[in-house]
Structures are given as structure tokens and as C-alpha cells.
Amino acid sequence: MLYCPARDGLPEINALRLVSHSLRLGLTHLIDLEALRLALADAPAARVAVNMSPASLADKDFRSRTLDALRGGRATVAFEFDETGLDEHWDAFLAFGAAIKDAGHMLAVEIRGHRLELVARLNQAGIDYLVLDGALTLGIHQDQGRQVLVTGVQRMTSLMGAKLVAKGVASEEDARTLLELRVDGLTGPAIR
């Protein structure tokens, strides 16, 4: 987990607090670029996913600096953006997605179910996959309403030619249900 270590007499800052401060100061792009650098250093010849803040798209140099960081690397990077804030930076998101896809990388969005109208718009961006937050998958084996929701999202992503990945799957029952609902990938403590 990314954090700011203690230095010069100042205490360390945990990741959540660091992100909160960076959002307030308009500096999320610096954290995201550092996360990308670390991911590329740790997995130089693999496929890696890096979470990005939509707020980073507001920085005019973010896209070019991201592409610079990717040059010469052997990893395929999947850039995952949270649904929150994408509307504010929609045009920059589309431009970023086109640029990284042209460079051979992937684009994804993580949703919590609050902005389902956004899912349909993601076809414009040509996403490679959509990530269902753990809040949508926890206990899904007992929740018909969420099963119907995931079925609808799965149909939409399939029509877009994108994959659907469920994150934070905590039980074997949830995993089984998600696979029955034709989710393409699963992550979380119940996945071995």
C-alpha cells in the first residue's frame, strides 16, 4: 500500500490520508505516476493493473507523463479508474484511454453500482473490462436484487465487447453465484 514514509521529523502518512490530502491539493497525478512507476519496477514483464484517480486526468501533463513512463517497459498495464469523478473528466478520460490503448495497454473502470448510467457510456471509451466493487458482490448468493443487477451489467459489458470482473469475492457461495451469472473473472479472499 502506498504511503508517505516518515522523514525530516514528520510522521508517516497512511495511504488513505495521503490520497485525501492529494485530492484536496490537486496532486493525485503525482501519486498515480509513482504507483505506475512502482508497478512497472515490480513486474517488468507481466500484466499489471494500476488504480488511477479520475482527478489525475485534470493535470494537463498526466497523459504524456504516463505514456513516457510506459515507453521501454515490457509490462502490459491495465489502468483502472474509479467511477466517482469520471463525469468531471470525461473528455480527458476518453483521450487518455485512446492514447494508452494505442500504446498496447488496457482501460478499465471500477463501479459500486451508484452510477449505472455511466456503464452504458463506457462503450465510448472502449474499456477492456469493468470491475464490480466488493460491495456489489458480498453476499450476492443470497441477494436476488444484486443478482439481477449483475446480470444486467454483464449483458451490457458483453455487448460492448468488454469483460466483467468481480473484486473482493469473500465466499465460495458468492464465487459460484458470480460464475453462474457469467462474470469473466474473480478476485478476493475466496479465490485460490
N, C-alpha and C. Protein backbone atom coordinates (compact mmCIF):
# COMPACT_ATOMS: atom_id res chain seq x y z
N MET A 1 0.85 -1.18 0.00
CA MET A 1 0.00 0.00 0.00
C MET A 1 0.89 1.24 0.00
N LEU A 2 0.57 2.15 -0.85
CA LEU A 2 1.36 3.36 -0.99
C LEU A 2 1.15 4.28 0.20
N TYR A 3 2.22 4.86 0.67
CA TYR A 3 2.13 5.82 1.76
C TYR A 3 3.34 6.74 1.69
N CYS A 4 3.31 7.77 2.49
CA CYS A 4 4.44 8.69 2.57
C CYS A 4 5.20 8.35 3.85
N PRO A 5 6.44 7.83 3.72
CA PRO A 5 7.19 7.43 4.92
C PRO A 5 7.59 8.64 5.77
N ALA A 6 7.88 8.36 7.02
CA ALA A 6 8.34 9.41 7.93
C ALA A 6 9.68 9.95 7.43
N ARG A 7 9.83 11.27 7.47
CA ARG A 7 11.13 11.87 7.11
C ARG A 7 11.16 13.31 7.59
N ASP A 8 12.37 13.77 7.83
CA ASP A 8 12.61 15.15 8.29
C ASP A 8 11.76 15.51 9.50
N GLY A 9 11.58 14.55 10.41
CA GLY A 9 10.84 14.82 11.63
C GLY A 9 9.33 14.78 11.47
N LEU A 10 8.84 14.50 10.26
CA LEU A 10 7.40 14.42 10.02
C LEU A 10 6.96 12.96 10.09
N PRO A 11 5.77 12.68 10.62
CA PRO A 11 5.31 11.29 10.73
C PRO A 11 4.91 10.73 9.36
N GLU A 12 4.86 9.40 9.26
CA GLU A 12 4.39 8.78 8.03
C GLU A 12 2.90 9.08 7.85
N ILE A 13 2.45 9.05 6.62
CA ILE A 13 1.04 9.28 6.32
C ILE A 13 0.53 8.02 5.63
N ASN A 14 -0.57 7.42 6.14
CA ASN A 14 -1.09 6.21 5.52
C ASN A 14 -1.72 6.55 4.16
N ALA A 15 -1.98 5.53 3.38
CA ALA A 15 -2.43 5.71 2.00
C ALA A 15 -3.73 6.50 1.91
N LEU A 16 -4.70 6.17 2.74
CA LEU A 16 -5.99 6.86 2.68
C LEU A 16 -5.84 8.35 2.96
N ARG A 17 -5.06 8.67 3.96
CA ARG A 17 -4.85 10.08 4.30
C ARG A 17 -4.04 10.79 3.20
N LEU A 18 -3.06 10.10 2.65
CA LEU A 18 -2.26 10.67 1.58
C LEU A 18 -3.12 10.99 0.35
N VAL A 19 -3.99 10.05 0.00
CA VAL A 19 -4.88 10.28 -1.14
C VAL A 19 -5.83 11.44 -0.85
N SER A 20 -6.36 11.49 0.36
CA SER A 20 -7.26 12.58 0.74
C SER A 20 -6.58 13.94 0.61
N HIS A 21 -5.36 14.04 1.12
CA HIS A 21 -4.60 15.29 1.01
C HIS A 21 -4.28 15.61 -0.44
N SER A 22 -3.91 14.59 -1.21
CA SER A 22 -3.55 14.84 -2.61
C SER A 22 -4.75 15.32 -3.41
N LEU A 23 -5.94 14.79 -3.12
CA LEU A 23 -7.16 15.27 -3.79
C LEU A 23 -7.41 16.73 -3.46
N ARG A 24 -7.28 17.06 -2.19
CA ARG A 24 -7.52 18.43 -1.75
C ARG A 24 -6.54 19.41 -2.40
N LEU A 25 -5.30 18.96 -2.57
CA LEU A 25 -4.26 19.83 -3.13
C LEU A 25 -4.11 19.73 -4.65
N GLY A 26 -4.90 18.85 -5.28
CA GLY A 26 -4.80 18.69 -6.72
C GLY A 26 -3.52 17.99 -7.16
N LEU A 27 -3.04 17.05 -6.34
CA LEU A 27 -1.76 16.38 -6.63
C LEU A 27 -1.90 14.87 -6.83
N THR A 28 -3.11 14.39 -7.11
CA THR A 28 -3.29 12.94 -7.27
C THR A 28 -2.45 12.39 -8.42
N HIS A 29 -2.23 13.21 -9.43
CA HIS A 29 -1.45 12.72 -10.58
C HIS A 29 -0.04 12.29 -10.16
N LEU A 30 0.53 12.96 -9.16
CA LEU A 30 1.87 12.58 -8.70
C LEU A 30 1.85 11.20 -8.02
N ILE A 31 0.82 10.93 -7.24
CA ILE A 31 0.69 9.63 -6.60
C ILE A 31 0.46 8.55 -7.65
N ASP A 32 -0.41 8.84 -8.61
CA ASP A 32 -0.70 7.85 -9.65
C ASP A 32 0.52 7.55 -10.51
N LEU A 33 1.29 8.57 -10.84
CA LEU A 33 2.51 8.34 -11.62
C LEU A 33 3.53 7.53 -10.83
N GLU A 34 3.62 7.77 -9.53
CA GLU A 34 4.53 6.99 -8.70
C GLU A 34 4.04 5.55 -8.57
N ALA A 35 2.74 5.35 -8.43
CA ALA A 35 2.19 3.99 -8.37
C ALA A 35 2.50 3.24 -9.67
N LEU A 36 2.37 3.93 -10.79
CA LEU A 36 2.70 3.31 -12.08
C LEU A 36 4.17 2.94 -12.13
N ARG A 37 5.04 3.85 -11.70
CA ARG A 37 6.48 3.58 -11.71
C ARG A 37 6.80 2.35 -10.87
N LEU A 38 6.21 2.28 -9.68
CA LEU A 38 6.46 1.14 -8.79
C LEU A 38 5.92 -0.16 -9.39
N ALA A 39 4.75 -0.10 -9.99
CA ALA A 39 4.17 -1.30 -10.61
C ALA A 39 5.06 -1.81 -11.74
N LEU A 40 5.56 -0.89 -12.55
CA LEU A 40 6.43 -1.29 -13.66
C LEU A 40 7.76 -1.85 -13.15
N ALA A 41 8.24 -1.31 -12.06
CA ALA A 41 9.51 -1.79 -11.49
C ALA A 41 9.34 -3.18 -10.87
N ASP A 42 8.17 -3.44 -10.26
CA ASP A 42 7.94 -4.72 -9.59
C ASP A 42 7.55 -5.85 -10.54
N ALA A 43 6.97 -5.52 -11.68
CA ALA A 43 6.50 -6.55 -12.62
C ALA A 43 6.91 -6.17 -14.04
N PRO A 44 8.19 -6.18 -14.32
CA PRO A 44 8.66 -5.65 -15.60
C PRO A 44 8.20 -6.40 -16.84
N ALA A 45 7.81 -7.67 -16.73
CA ALA A 45 7.42 -8.41 -17.92
C ALA A 45 6.06 -9.08 -17.76
N ALA A 46 5.21 -8.52 -16.96
CA ALA A 46 3.91 -9.14 -16.68
C ALA A 46 2.79 -8.19 -17.04
N ARG A 47 1.60 -8.65 -16.83
CA ARG A 47 0.43 -7.79 -16.96
C ARG A 47 0.09 -7.31 -15.56
N VAL A 48 -0.02 -6.01 -15.37
CA VAL A 48 -0.33 -5.44 -14.06
C VAL A 48 -1.51 -4.48 -14.18
N ALA A 49 -2.24 -4.36 -13.09
CA ALA A 49 -3.33 -3.39 -13.02
C ALA A 49 -2.93 -2.31 -12.03
N VAL A 50 -3.19 -1.07 -12.41
CA VAL A 50 -2.87 0.06 -11.55
C VAL A 50 -4.13 0.91 -11.41
N ASN A 51 -4.53 1.15 -10.15
CA ASN A 51 -5.69 2.00 -9.90
C ASN A 51 -5.28 3.46 -10.09
N MET A 52 -6.12 4.19 -10.79
CA MET A 52 -5.88 5.60 -11.07
C MET A 52 -7.07 6.43 -10.59
N SER A 53 -6.78 7.63 -10.16
CA SER A 53 -7.84 8.54 -9.75
C SER A 53 -8.30 9.37 -10.94
N PRO A 54 -9.61 9.47 -11.17
CA PRO A 54 -10.08 10.35 -12.24
C PRO A 54 -9.57 11.79 -12.08
N ALA A 55 -9.32 12.22 -10.83
CA ALA A 55 -8.82 13.57 -10.60
C ALA A 55 -7.47 13.80 -11.26
N SER A 56 -6.69 12.76 -11.45
CA SER A 56 -5.38 12.89 -12.10
C SER A 56 -5.52 13.36 -13.54
N LEU A 57 -6.65 13.05 -14.15
CA LEU A 57 -6.88 13.44 -15.54
C LEU A 57 -6.95 14.95 -15.72
N ALA A 58 -7.13 15.69 -14.62
CA ALA A 58 -7.18 17.15 -14.69
C ALA A 58 -5.81 17.76 -14.94
N ASP A 59 -4.75 17.01 -14.63
CA ASP A 59 -3.40 17.53 -14.87
C ASP A 59 -3.10 17.47 -16.37
N LYS A 60 -2.70 18.59 -16.95
CA LYS A 60 -2.51 18.66 -18.40
C LYS A 60 -1.39 17.77 -18.91
N ASP A 61 -0.45 17.41 -18.07
CA ASP A 61 0.67 16.58 -18.49
C ASP A 61 0.53 15.11 -18.09
N PHE A 62 -0.57 14.75 -17.44
CA PHE A 62 -0.71 13.39 -16.93
C PHE A 62 -0.63 12.34 -18.04
N ARG A 63 -1.36 12.55 -19.11
CA ARG A 63 -1.36 11.57 -20.20
C ARG A 63 0.03 11.41 -20.80
N SER A 64 0.71 12.51 -21.10
CA SER A 64 2.04 12.41 -21.72
C SER A 64 3.05 11.81 -20.75
N ARG A 65 2.95 12.15 -19.49
CA ARG A 65 3.88 11.58 -18.50
C ARG A 65 3.62 10.09 -18.30
N THR A 66 2.37 9.69 -18.38
CA THR A 66 2.03 8.27 -18.29
C THR A 66 2.63 7.52 -19.48
N LEU A 67 2.45 8.06 -20.66
CA LEU A 67 2.99 7.41 -21.86
C LEU A 67 4.52 7.35 -21.81
N ASP A 68 5.14 8.40 -21.28
CA ASP A 68 6.60 8.39 -21.11
C ASP A 68 7.03 7.26 -20.18
N ALA A 69 6.29 7.07 -19.09
CA ALA A 69 6.63 6.02 -18.12
C ALA A 69 6.49 4.63 -18.74
N LEU A 70 5.57 4.49 -19.67
CA LEU A 70 5.32 3.18 -20.29
C LEU A 70 6.36 2.82 -21.35
N ARG A 71 7.01 3.83 -21.93
CA ARG A 71 7.97 3.58 -23.00
C ARG A 71 9.13 2.70 -22.53
N GLY A 72 9.42 1.70 -23.31
CA GLY A 72 10.54 0.82 -22.98
C GLY A 72 10.20 -0.28 -21.99
N GLY A 73 9.03 -0.20 -21.37
CA GLY A 73 8.63 -1.24 -20.43
C GLY A 73 8.11 -2.46 -21.17
N ARG A 74 8.17 -3.59 -20.51
CA ARG A 74 7.68 -4.83 -21.13
C ARG A 74 6.33 -5.25 -20.58
N ALA A 75 5.85 -4.57 -19.57
CA ALA A 75 4.57 -4.94 -18.96
C ALA A 75 3.41 -4.34 -19.73
N THR A 76 2.31 -5.08 -19.77
CA THR A 76 1.04 -4.54 -20.24
C THR A 76 0.32 -4.03 -19.01
N VAL A 77 -0.06 -2.79 -19.04
CA VAL A 77 -0.70 -2.17 -17.87
C VAL A 77 -2.18 -1.99 -18.13
N ALA A 78 -2.98 -2.42 -17.16
CA ALA A 78 -4.42 -2.16 -17.17
C ALA A 78 -4.66 -0.99 -16.22
N PHE A 79 -5.11 0.12 -16.76
CA PHE A 79 -5.39 1.32 -15.96
C PHE A 79 -6.84 1.25 -15.50
N GLU A 80 -7.04 1.15 -14.18
CA GLU A 80 -8.38 1.04 -13.60
C GLU A 80 -8.75 2.36 -12.93
N PHE A 81 -9.81 2.98 -13.41
CA PHE A 81 -10.32 4.23 -12.86
C PHE A 81 -11.59 3.97 -12.07
N ASP A 82 -11.76 4.67 -10.96
CA ASP A 82 -12.97 4.59 -10.17
C ASP A 82 -14.07 5.36 -10.89
N GLU A 83 -15.32 4.91 -10.74
CA GLU A 83 -16.44 5.58 -11.38
C GLU A 83 -16.63 7.01 -10.87
N THR A 84 -16.30 7.23 -9.60
CA THR A 84 -16.52 8.54 -8.99
C THR A 84 -15.57 9.57 -9.59
N GLY A 85 -16.12 10.59 -10.18
CA GLY A 85 -15.32 11.66 -10.75
C GLY A 85 -15.07 11.54 -12.24
N LEU A 86 -15.46 10.43 -12.86
CA LEU A 86 -15.21 10.29 -14.30
C LEU A 86 -16.00 11.32 -15.12
N ASP A 87 -17.22 11.62 -14.70
CA ASP A 87 -18.02 12.60 -15.43
C ASP A 87 -17.31 13.95 -15.54
N GLU A 88 -16.68 14.37 -14.44
CA GLU A 88 -15.99 15.67 -14.43
C GLU A 88 -14.84 15.71 -15.42
N HIS A 89 -14.26 14.56 -15.70
CA HIS A 89 -13.06 14.50 -16.54
C HIS A 89 -13.30 13.60 -17.77
N TRP A 90 -14.53 13.56 -18.25
CA TRP A 90 -14.92 12.61 -19.30
C TRP A 90 -14.06 12.75 -20.56
N ASP A 91 -13.92 13.95 -21.08
CA ASP A 91 -13.14 14.13 -22.32
C ASP A 91 -11.68 13.73 -22.11
N ALA A 92 -11.11 14.08 -20.97
CA ALA A 92 -9.73 13.71 -20.67
C ALA A 92 -9.62 12.19 -20.51
N PHE A 93 -10.65 11.56 -19.93
CA PHE A 93 -10.67 10.10 -19.79
C PHE A 93 -10.68 9.43 -21.16
N LEU A 94 -11.52 9.93 -22.06
CA LEU A 94 -11.58 9.36 -23.41
C LEU A 94 -10.24 9.51 -24.13
N ALA A 95 -9.62 10.68 -24.01
CA ALA A 95 -8.32 10.92 -24.66
C ALA A 95 -7.23 10.04 -24.04
N PHE A 96 -7.24 9.92 -22.71
CA PHE A 96 -6.27 9.07 -22.02
C PHE A 96 -6.44 7.62 -22.48
N GLY A 97 -7.68 7.15 -22.48
CA GLY A 97 -7.95 5.77 -22.89
C GLY A 97 -7.50 5.49 -24.30
N ALA A 98 -7.79 6.39 -25.22
CA ALA A 98 -7.37 6.19 -26.61
C ALA A 98 -5.85 6.12 -26.71
N ALA A 99 -5.16 6.98 -25.98
CA ALA A 99 -3.70 7.02 -26.04
C ALA A 99 -3.07 5.76 -25.47
N ILE A 100 -3.55 5.30 -24.34
CA ILE A 100 -2.91 4.12 -23.73
C ILE A 100 -3.28 2.85 -24.50
N LYS A 101 -4.48 2.81 -25.07
CA LYS A 101 -4.86 1.65 -25.88
C LYS A 101 -4.04 1.61 -27.17
N ASP A 102 -3.79 2.77 -27.75
CA ASP A 102 -2.93 2.83 -28.94
C ASP A 102 -1.52 2.34 -28.63
N ALA A 103 -1.11 2.52 -27.37
CA ALA A 103 0.22 2.09 -26.94
C ALA A 103 0.24 0.62 -26.49
N GLY A 104 -0.90 -0.08 -26.62
CA GLY A 104 -0.95 -1.50 -26.31
C GLY A 104 -1.34 -1.85 -24.89
N HIS A 105 -1.93 -0.90 -24.18
CA HIS A 105 -2.31 -1.14 -22.80
C HIS A 105 -3.83 -1.23 -22.68
N MET A 106 -4.34 -1.39 -21.48
CA MET A 106 -5.76 -1.65 -21.27
C MET A 106 -6.41 -0.57 -20.40
N LEU A 107 -7.73 -0.47 -20.53
CA LEU A 107 -8.51 0.52 -19.79
C LEU A 107 -9.67 -0.17 -19.10
N ALA A 108 -9.89 0.18 -17.83
CA ALA A 108 -10.99 -0.42 -17.07
C ALA A 108 -11.57 0.62 -16.12
N VAL A 109 -12.78 0.34 -15.66
CA VAL A 109 -13.46 1.21 -14.69
C VAL A 109 -14.04 0.32 -13.60
N GLU A 110 -13.91 0.78 -12.36
CA GLU A 110 -14.49 0.07 -11.23
C GLU A 110 -15.77 0.77 -10.81
N ILE A 111 -16.84 -0.03 -10.64
CA ILE A 111 -18.13 0.54 -10.25
C ILE A 111 -18.60 -0.06 -8.94
N ARG A 112 -19.40 0.73 -8.22
CA ARG A 112 -20.03 0.28 -6.98
C ARG A 112 -21.54 0.21 -7.12
N GLY A 113 -22.03 0.53 -8.30
CA GLY A 113 -23.46 0.46 -8.55
C GLY A 113 -24.20 1.76 -8.35
N HIS A 114 -23.48 2.83 -7.99
CA HIS A 114 -24.13 4.12 -7.76
C HIS A 114 -24.38 4.86 -9.07
N ARG A 115 -23.62 4.58 -10.09
CA ARG A 115 -23.67 5.32 -11.35
C ARG A 115 -23.86 4.38 -12.53
N LEU A 116 -24.94 3.62 -12.53
CA LEU A 116 -25.14 2.63 -13.59
C LEU A 116 -25.31 3.26 -14.96
N GLU A 117 -25.77 4.51 -15.03
CA GLU A 117 -25.89 5.16 -16.34
C GLU A 117 -24.52 5.35 -16.97
N LEU A 118 -23.49 5.39 -16.14
CA LEU A 118 -22.13 5.52 -16.64
C LEU A 118 -21.70 4.28 -17.41
N VAL A 119 -22.18 3.11 -16.99
CA VAL A 119 -21.77 1.86 -17.64
C VAL A 119 -22.06 1.91 -19.13
N ALA A 120 -23.23 2.39 -19.52
CA ALA A 120 -23.58 2.47 -20.94
C ALA A 120 -22.65 3.43 -21.69
N ARG A 121 -22.26 4.51 -21.05
CA ARG A 121 -21.37 5.49 -21.69
C ARG A 121 -19.95 4.94 -21.87
N LEU A 122 -19.59 3.94 -21.10
CA LEU A 122 -18.22 3.41 -21.16
C LEU A 122 -17.92 2.76 -22.50
N ASN A 123 -18.95 2.44 -23.26
CA ASN A 123 -18.73 1.90 -24.60
C ASN A 123 -17.95 2.90 -25.44
N GLN A 124 -18.22 4.18 -25.24
CA GLN A 124 -17.49 5.27 -25.93
C GLN A 124 -15.99 5.19 -25.68
N ALA A 125 -15.62 4.77 -24.47
CA ALA A 125 -14.22 4.75 -24.08
C ALA A 125 -13.50 3.48 -24.54
N GLY A 126 -14.27 2.48 -24.98
CA GLY A 126 -13.65 1.24 -25.42
C GLY A 126 -12.95 0.50 -24.30
N ILE A 127 -13.59 0.46 -23.12
CA ILE A 127 -12.95 -0.22 -22.00
C ILE A 127 -12.73 -1.70 -22.32
N ASP A 128 -11.69 -2.25 -21.70
CA ASP A 128 -11.41 -3.67 -21.85
C ASP A 128 -12.17 -4.51 -20.84
N TYR A 129 -12.35 -3.96 -19.65
CA TYR A 129 -13.14 -4.66 -18.65
C TYR A 129 -13.72 -3.69 -17.64
N LEU A 130 -14.74 -4.17 -16.95
CA LEU A 130 -15.42 -3.43 -15.90
C LEU A 130 -15.23 -4.21 -14.61
N VAL A 131 -14.94 -3.52 -13.52
CA VAL A 131 -14.71 -4.16 -12.23
C VAL A 131 -15.90 -3.87 -11.32
N LEU A 132 -16.48 -4.93 -10.78
CA LEU A 132 -17.54 -4.80 -9.78
C LEU A 132 -16.89 -4.71 -8.41
N ASP A 133 -17.15 -3.65 -7.69
CA ASP A 133 -16.62 -3.49 -6.33
C ASP A 133 -17.18 -4.59 -5.42
N GLY A 134 -16.41 -4.91 -4.39
CA GLY A 134 -16.84 -5.93 -3.43
C GLY A 134 -18.18 -5.65 -2.78
N ALA A 135 -18.57 -4.39 -2.69
CA ALA A 135 -19.87 -4.05 -2.12
C ALA A 135 -21.01 -4.63 -2.95
N LEU A 136 -20.79 -4.82 -4.24
CA LEU A 136 -21.82 -5.40 -5.10
C LEU A 136 -21.82 -6.92 -5.06
N THR A 137 -20.71 -7.51 -4.63
CA THR A 137 -20.60 -8.96 -4.70
C THR A 137 -20.75 -9.65 -3.34
N LEU A 138 -20.55 -8.94 -2.27
CA LEU A 138 -20.61 -9.54 -0.93
C LEU A 138 -22.02 -10.06 -0.64
N GLY A 139 -22.13 -11.35 -0.42
CA GLY A 139 -23.43 -11.95 -0.11
C GLY A 139 -24.37 -12.07 -1.29
N ILE A 140 -23.84 -11.98 -2.49
CA ILE A 140 -24.69 -12.00 -3.69
C ILE A 140 -25.44 -13.32 -3.85
N HIS A 141 -24.91 -14.38 -3.29
CA HIS A 141 -25.59 -15.67 -3.41
C HIS A 141 -26.95 -15.68 -2.71
N GLN A 142 -27.17 -14.73 -1.80
CA GLN A 142 -28.44 -14.63 -1.07
C GLN A 142 -29.27 -13.42 -1.47
N ASP A 143 -28.81 -12.66 -2.46
CA ASP A 143 -29.45 -11.38 -2.79
C ASP A 143 -29.87 -11.37 -4.26
N GLN A 144 -31.14 -11.68 -4.50
CA GLN A 144 -31.65 -11.75 -5.87
C GLN A 144 -31.58 -10.40 -6.57
N GLY A 145 -31.78 -9.32 -5.84
CA GLY A 145 -31.73 -7.99 -6.45
C GLY A 145 -30.36 -7.71 -7.04
N ARG A 146 -29.31 -8.02 -6.30
CA ARG A 146 -27.95 -7.80 -6.82
C ARG A 146 -27.63 -8.78 -7.94
N GLN A 147 -28.20 -9.98 -7.87
CA GLN A 147 -28.00 -10.93 -8.96
C GLN A 147 -28.58 -10.38 -10.27
N VAL A 148 -29.77 -9.80 -10.18
CA VAL A 148 -30.40 -9.19 -11.37
C VAL A 148 -29.54 -8.03 -11.87
N LEU A 149 -29.05 -7.21 -10.95
CA LEU A 149 -28.19 -6.08 -11.31
C LEU A 149 -26.94 -6.56 -12.04
N VAL A 150 -26.26 -7.55 -11.48
CA VAL A 150 -25.03 -8.06 -12.09
C VAL A 150 -25.33 -8.69 -13.45
N THR A 151 -26.45 -9.37 -13.57
CA THR A 151 -26.84 -9.95 -14.87
C THR A 151 -26.99 -8.85 -15.91
N GLY A 152 -27.62 -7.75 -15.54
CA GLY A 152 -27.79 -6.63 -16.47
C GLY A 152 -26.45 -6.00 -16.86
N VAL A 153 -25.59 -5.81 -15.88
CA VAL A 153 -24.27 -5.24 -16.15
C VAL A 153 -23.46 -6.20 -17.03
N GLN A 154 -23.57 -7.50 -16.76
CA GLN A 154 -22.85 -8.49 -17.57
C GLN A 154 -23.31 -8.42 -19.02
N ARG A 155 -24.59 -8.29 -19.25
CA ARG A 155 -25.11 -8.19 -20.63
C ARG A 155 -24.57 -6.94 -21.32
N MET A 156 -24.56 -5.84 -20.59
CA MET A 156 -24.07 -4.58 -21.18
C MET A 156 -22.59 -4.68 -21.53
N THR A 157 -21.79 -5.21 -20.62
CA THR A 157 -20.35 -5.31 -20.91
C THR A 157 -20.10 -6.28 -22.05
N SER A 158 -20.86 -7.34 -22.11
CA SER A 158 -20.71 -8.32 -23.20
C SER A 158 -21.02 -7.67 -24.54
N LEU A 159 -22.07 -6.86 -24.59
CA LEU A 159 -22.42 -6.16 -25.83
C LEU A 159 -21.34 -5.16 -26.25
N MET A 160 -20.61 -4.63 -25.27
CA MET A 160 -19.52 -3.70 -25.56
C MET A 160 -18.24 -4.42 -25.96
N GLY A 161 -18.23 -5.74 -25.83
CA GLY A 161 -17.01 -6.49 -26.10
C GLY A 161 -16.02 -6.41 -24.95
N ALA A 162 -16.52 -6.09 -23.77
CA ALA A 162 -15.66 -5.96 -22.59
C ALA A 162 -15.91 -7.13 -21.65
N LYS A 163 -14.99 -7.34 -20.74
CA LYS A 163 -15.10 -8.38 -19.73
C LYS A 163 -15.65 -7.78 -18.44
N LEU A 164 -16.14 -8.64 -17.57
CA LEU A 164 -16.66 -8.23 -16.27
C LEU A 164 -15.91 -9.00 -15.19
N VAL A 165 -15.31 -8.27 -14.25
CA VAL A 165 -14.51 -8.86 -13.18
C VAL A 165 -15.13 -8.47 -11.84
N ALA A 166 -15.29 -9.43 -10.96
CA ALA A 166 -15.81 -9.18 -9.62
C ALA A 166 -14.64 -9.14 -8.65
N LYS A 167 -14.55 -8.09 -7.87
CA LYS A 167 -13.46 -7.89 -6.92
C LYS A 167 -13.95 -8.16 -5.50
N GLY A 168 -13.04 -8.64 -4.66
CA GLY A 168 -13.37 -8.79 -3.24
C GLY A 168 -14.32 -9.93 -2.94
N VAL A 169 -14.29 -10.99 -3.73
CA VAL A 169 -15.18 -12.12 -3.52
C VAL A 169 -14.76 -12.84 -2.23
N ALA A 170 -15.67 -12.87 -1.26
CA ALA A 170 -15.30 -13.32 0.08
C ALA A 170 -15.75 -14.73 0.43
N SER A 171 -16.63 -15.33 -0.37
CA SER A 171 -17.08 -16.68 -0.02
C SER A 171 -17.19 -17.54 -1.28
N GLU A 172 -17.09 -18.85 -1.07
CA GLU A 172 -17.22 -19.78 -2.20
C GLU A 172 -18.62 -19.72 -2.79
N GLU A 173 -19.62 -19.48 -1.95
CA GLU A 173 -21.00 -19.38 -2.45
C GLU A 173 -21.14 -18.17 -3.38
N ASP A 174 -20.56 -17.04 -2.97
CA ASP A 174 -20.59 -15.86 -3.84
C ASP A 174 -19.84 -16.13 -5.15
N ALA A 175 -18.69 -16.78 -5.06
CA ALA A 175 -17.91 -17.10 -6.25
C ALA A 175 -18.71 -17.96 -7.21
N ARG A 176 -19.35 -18.99 -6.69
CA ARG A 176 -20.17 -19.88 -7.52
C ARG A 176 -21.31 -19.12 -8.20
N THR A 177 -21.97 -18.27 -7.43
CA THR A 177 -23.09 -17.48 -7.98
C THR A 177 -22.60 -16.55 -9.08
N LEU A 178 -21.48 -15.87 -8.84
CA LEU A 178 -20.94 -14.95 -9.84
C LEU A 178 -20.55 -15.67 -11.12
N LEU A 179 -20.00 -16.86 -10.99
CA LEU A 179 -19.67 -17.64 -12.19
C LEU A 179 -20.93 -18.08 -12.93
N GLU A 180 -21.98 -18.42 -12.18
CA GLU A 180 -23.27 -18.76 -12.80
C GLU A 180 -23.85 -17.56 -13.53
N LEU A 181 -23.56 -16.35 -13.03
CA LEU A 181 -24.03 -15.12 -13.67
C LEU A 181 -23.14 -14.69 -14.84
N ARG A 182 -22.14 -15.53 -15.16
CA ARG A 182 -21.25 -15.35 -16.31
C ARG A 182 -20.28 -14.19 -16.16
N VAL A 183 -19.86 -13.93 -14.92
CA VAL A 183 -18.79 -12.96 -14.68
C VAL A 183 -17.50 -13.60 -15.18
N ASP A 184 -16.65 -12.81 -15.85
CA ASP A 184 -15.47 -13.36 -16.52
C ASP A 184 -14.29 -13.61 -15.60
N GLY A 185 -14.18 -12.86 -14.50
CA GLY A 185 -13.03 -13.03 -13.61
C GLY A 185 -13.40 -12.70 -12.19
N LEU A 186 -12.68 -13.31 -11.24
CA LEU A 186 -12.94 -13.12 -9.82
C LEU A 186 -11.62 -12.85 -9.10
N THR A 187 -11.64 -11.95 -8.12
CA THR A 187 -10.51 -11.75 -7.21
C THR A 187 -11.06 -11.67 -5.81
N GLY A 188 -10.22 -11.92 -4.83
CA GLY A 188 -10.64 -11.79 -3.44
C GLY A 188 -10.21 -12.97 -2.60
N PRO A 189 -10.50 -12.93 -1.31
CA PRO A 189 -10.02 -13.95 -0.38
C PRO A 189 -10.56 -15.35 -0.66
N ALA A 190 -11.72 -15.48 -1.31
CA ALA A 190 -12.29 -16.82 -1.58
C ALA A 190 -11.70 -17.47 -2.83
N ILE A 191 -10.88 -16.72 -3.57
CA ILE A 191 -10.32 -17.23 -4.82
C ILE A 191 -8.94 -17.80 -4.55
N ARG A 192 -8.74 -19.04 -4.93
CA ARG A 192 -7.45 -19.70 -4.68
C ARG A 192 -6.72 -19.96 -5.95
